[in-house]
C-alpha atoms as a PDB file:
ATOM      1  CA  MET A   1      10.082   6.244   4.785  1.00  0.00           C
ATOM      2  CA  LYS A   2      10.102   8.765   1.942  1.00  0.00           C
ATOM      3  CA  GLU A   3      11.231   8.185  -1.611  1.00  0.00           C
ATOM      4  CA  LYS A   4      13.576  10.733  -3.095  1.00  0.00           C
ATOM      5  CA  ASP A   5      12.741  10.255  -6.773  1.00  0.00           C
ATOM      6  CA  GLY A   6       9.312  11.956  -6.531  1.00  0.00           C
ATOM      7  CA  SER A   7       7.146   8.985  -7.609  1.00  0.00           C
ATOM      8  CA  ALA A   8       5.317   9.016  -4.295  1.00  0.00           C
ATOM      9  CA  ALA A   9       4.647  12.745  -4.641  1.00  0.00           C
ATOM     10  CA  ALA A  10       2.954  12.228  -8.046  1.00  0.00           C
ATOM     11  CA  ASN A  11       0.532   9.653  -6.577  1.00  0.00           C
ATOM     12  CA  ASP A  12      -0.200  11.549  -3.370  1.00  0.00           C
ATOM     13  CA  PRO A  13      -3.942  12.383  -3.242  1.00  0.00           C
ATOM     14  CA  ARG A  14      -3.310  15.083  -0.645  1.00  0.00           C
ATOM     15  CA  MET A  15      -1.723  17.295  -3.258  1.00  0.00           C
ATOM     16  CA  PRO A  16      -4.455  19.202  -5.128  1.00  0.00           C
ATOM     17  CA  SER A  17      -2.228  19.840  -8.108  1.00  0.00           C
ATOM     18  CA  ALA A  18      -1.718  16.094  -8.587  1.00  0.00           C
ATOM     19  CA  ALA A  19      -5.447  15.239  -8.386  1.00  0.00           C
ATOM     20  CA  LYS A  20      -7.144  14.395 -11.663  1.00  0.00           C
ATOM     21  CA  PRO A  21     -10.941  14.466 -12.093  1.00  0.00           C
ATOM     22  CA  TYR A  22     -12.680  11.152 -12.731  1.00  0.00           C
ATOM     23  CA  VAL A  23     -13.861  10.652 -16.283  1.00  0.00           C
ATOM     24  CA  SER A  24     -16.299   7.784 -16.732  1.00  0.00           C
ATOM     25  CA  PRO A  25     -15.552   5.480 -19.657  1.00  0.00           C
ATOM     26  CA  THR A  26     -17.909   5.693 -22.617  1.00  0.00           C
ATOM     27  CA  VAL A  27     -19.961   2.566 -23.192  1.00  0.00           C
ATOM     28  CA  SER A  28     -21.883   1.863 -26.361  1.00  0.00           C
ATOM     29  CA  PRO A  29     -25.604   1.029 -26.026  1.00  0.00           C
ATOM     30  CA  GLN A  30     -24.928  -2.534 -27.226  1.00  0.00           C
ATOM     31  CA  ASP A  31     -22.527  -3.148 -24.337  1.00  0.00           C
ATOM     32  CA  LEU A  32     -24.910  -2.024 -21.574  1.00  0.00           C
ATOM     33  CA  PRO A  33     -26.154  -4.739 -19.213  1.00  0.00           C
ATOM     34  CA  ILE A  34     -29.628  -6.161 -19.767  1.00  0.00           C
ATOM     35  CA  ASP A  35     -32.482  -4.298 -18.080  1.00  0.00           C
ATOM     36  CA  TYR A  36     -34.183  -7.214 -16.353  1.00  0.00           C
ATOM     37  CA  ALA A  37     -36.781  -4.984 -14.688  1.00  0.00           C
ATOM     38  CA  GLY A  38     -37.885  -3.631 -18.072  1.00  0.00           C
ATOM     39  CA  PHE A  39     -38.066  -7.120 -19.551  1.00  0.00           C
ATOM     40  CA  LEU A  40     -40.111  -8.413 -16.598  1.00  0.00           C
ATOM     41  CA  ALA A  41     -42.401  -5.388 -16.866  1.00  0.00           C
ATOM     42  CA  VAL A  42     -43.180  -6.263 -20.484  1.00  0.00           C
ATOM     43  CA  VAL A  43     -43.727  -9.947 -19.687  1.00  0.00           C
ATOM     44  CA  PHE A  44     -45.994  -9.260 -16.704  1.00  0.00           C
ATOM     45  CA  GLY A  45     -47.879  -6.591 -18.651  1.00  0.00           C
ATOM     46  CA  VAL A  46     -48.632  -8.916 -21.554  1.00  0.00           C
ATOM     47  CA  VAL A  47     -49.617 -11.782 -19.248  1.00  0.00           C
ATOM     48  CA  GLY A  48     -51.843  -9.430 -17.241  1.00  0.00           C
ATOM     49  CA  VAL A  49     -53.668  -8.275 -20.374  1.00  0.00           C
ATOM     50  CA  ILE A  50     -54.041 -11.678 -21.991  1.00  0.00           C
ATOM     51  CA  PHE A  51     -55.029 -13.724 -18.938  1.00  0.00           C
ATOM     52  CA  HIS A  52     -56.717 -10.922 -16.938  1.00  0.00           C
ATOM     53  CA  TYR A  53     -54.431 -11.318 -13.922  1.00  0.00           C
ATOM     54  CA  LYS A  54     -54.516  -8.251 -11.707  1.00  0.00           C
ATOM     55  CA  LEU A  55     -51.342  -9.255  -9.890  1.00  0.00           C
ATOM     56  CA  CYS A  56     -49.351  -9.406 -13.137  1.00  0.00           C
ATOM     57  CA  SER A  57     -50.593  -5.974 -14.150  1.00  0.00           C
ATOM     58  CA  TRP A  58     -49.568  -4.513 -10.781  1.00  0.00           C
ATOM     59  CA  LEU A  59     -46.172  -6.195 -11.027  1.00  0.00           C
ATOM     60  CA  ALA A  60     -45.723  -4.702 -14.501  1.00  0.00           C
ATOM     61  CA  ILE A  61     -46.340  -1.209 -13.092  1.00  0.00           C
ATOM     62  CA  ILE A  62     -43.879  -1.830 -10.237  1.00  0.00           C
ATOM     63  CA  PHE A  63     -41.165  -3.128 -12.566  1.00  0.00           C
ATOM     64  CA  CYS A  64     -41.773  -0.137 -14.867  1.00  0.00           C
ATOM     65  CA  ALA A  65     -41.090   2.204 -11.972  1.00  0.00           C
ATOM     66  CA  GLN A  66     -37.934   0.297 -11.094  1.00  0.00           C
ATOM     67  CA  SER A  67     -36.750   0.374 -14.682  1.00  0.00           C
ATOM     68  CA  LEU A  68     -37.418   4.118 -14.922  1.00  0.00           C
ATOM     69  CA  ALA A  69     -35.429   4.703 -11.736  1.00  0.00           C
ATOM     70  CA  ASN A  70     -32.447   2.730 -13.064  1.00  0.00           C
ATOM     71  CA  MET A  71     -32.586   3.958 -16.660  1.00  0.00           C
ATOM     72  CA  ARG A  72     -29.131   4.422 -18.214  1.00  0.00           C
ATOM     73  CA  ASN A  73     -29.795   4.895 -21.911  1.00  0.00           C
ATOM     74  CA  PHE A  74     -32.864   7.094 -22.289  1.00  0.00           C
ATOM     75  CA  GLU A  75     -33.518   6.628 -25.999  1.00  0.00           C
ATOM     76  CA  ALA A  76     -33.242   2.839 -26.103  1.00  0.00           C
ATOM     77  CA  GLU A  77     -34.965   1.968 -22.839  1.00  0.00           C
ATOM     78  CA  PHE A  78     -37.769   4.537 -22.837  1.00  0.00           C
ATOM     79  CA  LYS A  79     -39.605   2.771 -25.665  1.00  0.00           C
ATOM     80  CA  GLN A  80     -39.524  -0.526 -23.785  1.00  0.00           C
ATOM     81  CA  VAL A  81     -40.583   1.016 -20.485  1.00  0.00           C
ATOM     82  CA  SER A  82     -43.406   3.020 -22.057  1.00  0.00           C
ATOM     83  CA  MET A  83     -44.704  -0.087 -23.842  1.00  0.00           C
ATOM     84  CA  ALA A  84     -44.595  -2.085 -20.603  1.00  0.00           C
ATOM     85  CA  PHE A  85     -46.367   0.723 -18.754  1.00  0.00           C
ATOM     86  CA  MET A  86     -49.111   0.805 -21.385  1.00  0.00           C
ATOM     87  CA  PHE A  87     -49.613  -2.959 -21.116  1.00  0.00           C
ATOM     88  CA  GLY A  88     -49.738  -2.768 -17.322  1.00  0.00           C
ATOM     89  CA  LEU A  89     -52.145   0.159 -17.381  1.00  0.00           C
ATOM     90  CA  MET A  90     -54.306  -1.504 -20.031  1.00  0.00           C
ATOM     91  CA  GLY A  91     -54.442  -4.671 -17.933  1.00  0.00           C
ATOM     92  CA  LEU A  92     -55.469  -2.756 -14.813  1.00  0.00           C
ATOM     93  CA  ILE A  93     -58.168  -0.809 -16.648  1.00  0.00           C
ATOM     94  CA  THR A  94     -59.651  -3.907 -18.272  1.00  0.00           C
ATOM     95  CA  ASN A  95     -59.509  -5.875 -15.008  1.00  0.00           C
ATOM     96  CA  TYR A  96     -61.114  -3.230 -12.801  1.00  0.00           C
ATOM     97  CA  PHE A  97     -63.425  -1.387 -15.223  1.00  0.00           C
ATOM     98  CA  GLY A  98     -63.999  -3.891 -18.021  1.00  0.00           C
ATOM     99  CA  PRO A  99     -66.744  -6.451 -18.364  1.00  0.00           C
ATOM    100  CA  ALA A 100     -66.870  -9.184 -15.762  1.00  0.00           C
ATOM    101  CA  ARG A 101     -65.348 -12.518 -16.651  1.00  0.00           C
ATOM    102  CA  GLN A 102     -67.802 -15.276 -17.358  1.00  0.00           C
ATOM    103  CA  VAL A 103     -67.393 -18.370 -15.272  1.00  0.00           C
ATOM    104  CA  LYS A 104     -68.120 -21.547 -17.176  1.00  0.00           C
ATOM    105  CA  SER A 105     -70.337 -23.929 -15.270  1.00  0.00           C
ATOM    106  CA  SER A 106     -69.813 -27.654 -15.551  1.00  0.00           C
ATOM    107  CA  ARG A 107     -72.904 -29.701 -16.298  1.00  0.00           C
END
């Protein structure tokens, strides 16, 4: 069943002359979704440094890698990811190469 007015021909994707390239909409940096991986990387990095938890420092490094892989806005997110990476790396260095933790004995 063909239409004679030509409206079907204008929407036909099989016609190369009617195809239009996709143009992604521009989104301002304030309207981007929250980078939860970057936020968790900062939180785990700080907790790993303050409380000397190796697991939190490793999780900070993992979430940094995930945030780098999914980075949309380079200028805004790179500062957060680099800070989280530094906290995670600092926590790992102090946990593995720093002085041993003193265990308090109960008397």
